[in-house]
Amino acid sequence: MTDAFARRGVVYLKADWTSKSPEIAALLESFGRSGVPLYVLYRGGGSPPRVLPQILSEGTIIEAVRKL
């Protein structure tokens, strides 16, 4: 999976929700969620982000990255 990320220039970001940060709460809310997990793929270039399933497999992630 790391290779697929590198080929597409994907950067992995992780937010820590244990602190119940208002910024993270607002982001979750913007996607209609009140908790985690929330996996979002931002494509860049002004394209809308894509919400991935709550239960991920390596294949799901690689396929989503391949479609960038």
C-alpha atoms as a PDB file:
ATOM      1  CA  MET A   1       0.000   0.000   0.000  1.00  0.00           C
ATOM      2  CA  THR A   2       2.898   2.336   0.734  1.00  0.00           C
ATOM      3  CA  ASP A   3       4.022   1.960  -2.885  1.00  0.00           C
ATOM      4  CA  ALA A   4       0.555   2.889  -4.169  1.00  0.00           C
ATOM      5  CA  PHE A   5       0.609   6.008  -1.989  1.00  0.00           C
ATOM      6  CA  ALA A   6       4.081   6.988  -3.183  1.00  0.00           C
ATOM      7  CA  ARG A   7       3.197   6.535  -6.873  1.00  0.00           C
ATOM      8  CA  ARG A   8       0.198   8.870  -6.499  1.00  0.00           C
ATOM      9  CA  GLY A   9       1.792  11.365  -4.115  1.00  0.00           C
ATOM     10  CA  VAL A  10      -0.673  10.508  -1.346  1.00  0.00           C
ATOM     11  CA  VAL A  11       0.033  11.961   2.069  1.00  0.00           C
ATOM     12  CA  TYR A  12      -1.399  10.156   5.105  1.00  0.00           C
ATOM     13  CA  LEU A  13      -2.811  12.329   7.886  1.00  0.00           C
ATOM     14  CA  LYS A  14      -4.217  11.148  11.198  1.00  0.00           C
ATOM     15  CA  ALA A  15      -6.298  13.176  13.641  1.00  0.00           C
ATOM     16  CA  ASP A  16      -6.405  12.268  17.334  1.00  0.00           C
ATOM     17  CA  TRP A  17     -10.008  12.412  18.524  1.00  0.00           C
ATOM     18  CA  THR A  18      -9.240  11.469  22.128  1.00  0.00           C
ATOM     19  CA  SER A  19      -9.048  15.149  23.071  1.00  0.00           C
ATOM     20  CA  LYS A  20     -12.483  15.894  21.526  1.00  0.00           C
ATOM     21  CA  SER A  21     -10.992  18.869  19.696  1.00  0.00           C
ATOM     22  CA  PRO A  22     -13.592  21.384  18.416  1.00  0.00           C
ATOM     23  CA  GLU A  23     -11.765  21.521  15.071  1.00  0.00           C
ATOM     24  CA  ILE A  24     -12.034  17.764  14.582  1.00  0.00           C
ATOM     25  CA  ALA A  25     -15.656  17.800  15.795  1.00  0.00           C
ATOM     26  CA  ALA A  26     -16.462  20.425  13.145  1.00  0.00           C
ATOM     27  CA  LEU A  27     -14.757  18.369  10.444  1.00  0.00           C
ATOM     28  CA  LEU A  28     -16.646  15.230  11.466  1.00  0.00           C
ATOM     29  CA  GLU A  29     -19.880  17.214  11.452  1.00  0.00           C
ATOM     30  CA  SER A  30     -19.147  18.529   7.949  1.00  0.00           C
ATOM     31  CA  PHE A  31     -19.267  14.898   6.775  1.00  0.00           C
ATOM     32  CA  GLY A  32     -22.447  14.147   8.722  1.00  0.00           C
ATOM     33  CA  ARG A  33     -20.606  12.195  11.405  1.00  0.00           C
ATOM     34  CA  SER A  34     -20.386  12.604  15.150  1.00  0.00           C
ATOM     35  CA  GLY A  35     -17.543  10.181  15.783  1.00  0.00           C
ATOM     36  CA  VAL A  36     -14.814   8.058  14.323  1.00  0.00           C
ATOM     37  CA  PRO A  37     -13.712   6.230  12.289  1.00  0.00           C
ATOM     38  CA  LEU A  38     -13.947   8.560   9.335  1.00  0.00           C
ATOM     39  CA  TYR A  39     -11.682   7.948   6.360  1.00  0.00           C
ATOM     40  CA  VAL A  40     -11.568  10.693   3.751  1.00  0.00           C
ATOM     41  CA  LEU A  41      -9.568  10.839   0.540  1.00  0.00           C
ATOM     42  CA  TYR A  42      -8.852  14.382  -0.606  1.00  0.00           C
ATOM     43  CA  ARG A  43      -8.045  14.448  -4.321  1.00  0.00           C
ATOM     44  CA  GLY A  44      -6.730  17.996  -4.503  1.00  0.00           C
ATOM     45  CA  GLY A  45      -7.312  20.483  -7.270  1.00  0.00           C
ATOM     46  CA  GLY A  46     -10.589  21.621  -5.729  1.00  0.00           C
ATOM     47  CA  SER A  47     -12.285  18.239  -6.198  1.00  0.00           C
ATOM     48  CA  PRO A  48     -14.689  17.236  -3.455  1.00  0.00           C
ATOM     49  CA  PRO A  49     -13.273  14.752  -0.940  1.00  0.00           C
ATOM     50  CA  ARG A  50     -14.367  11.130  -1.080  1.00  0.00           C
ATOM     51  CA  VAL A  51     -15.541   9.403   2.103  1.00  0.00           C
ATOM     52  CA  LEU A  52     -14.312   5.823   2.285  1.00  0.00           C
ATOM     53  CA  PRO A  53     -16.124   2.969   4.070  1.00  0.00           C
ATOM     54  CA  GLN A  54     -15.787   2.727   7.844  1.00  0.00           C
ATOM     55  CA  ILE A  55     -14.370  -0.773   7.500  1.00  0.00           C
ATOM     56  CA  LEU A  56     -11.381  -0.681   5.182  1.00  0.00           C
ATOM     57  CA  SER A  57      -9.403  -3.343   3.417  1.00  0.00           C
ATOM     58  CA  GLU A  58      -6.087  -2.844   1.698  1.00  0.00           C
ATOM     59  CA  GLY A  59      -7.830  -3.505  -1.616  1.00  0.00           C
ATOM     60  CA  THR A  60     -10.423  -0.794  -0.956  1.00  0.00           C
ATOM     61  CA  ILE A  61      -7.715   1.750  -0.216  1.00  0.00           C
ATOM     62  CA  ILE A  62      -5.572   0.815  -3.218  1.00  0.00           C
ATOM     63  CA  GLU A  63      -8.591   0.963  -5.532  1.00  0.00           C
ATOM     64  CA  ALA A  64      -9.588   4.404  -4.208  1.00  0.00           C
ATOM     65  CA  VAL A  65      -6.037   5.694  -4.690  1.00  0.00           C
ATOM     66  CA  ARG A  66      -5.864   4.168  -8.175  1.00  0.00           C
ATOM     67  CA  LYS A  67      -8.982   6.150  -9.169  1.00  0.00           C
ATOM     68  CA  LEU A  68      -7.347   9.483  -8.263  1.00  0.00           C
END
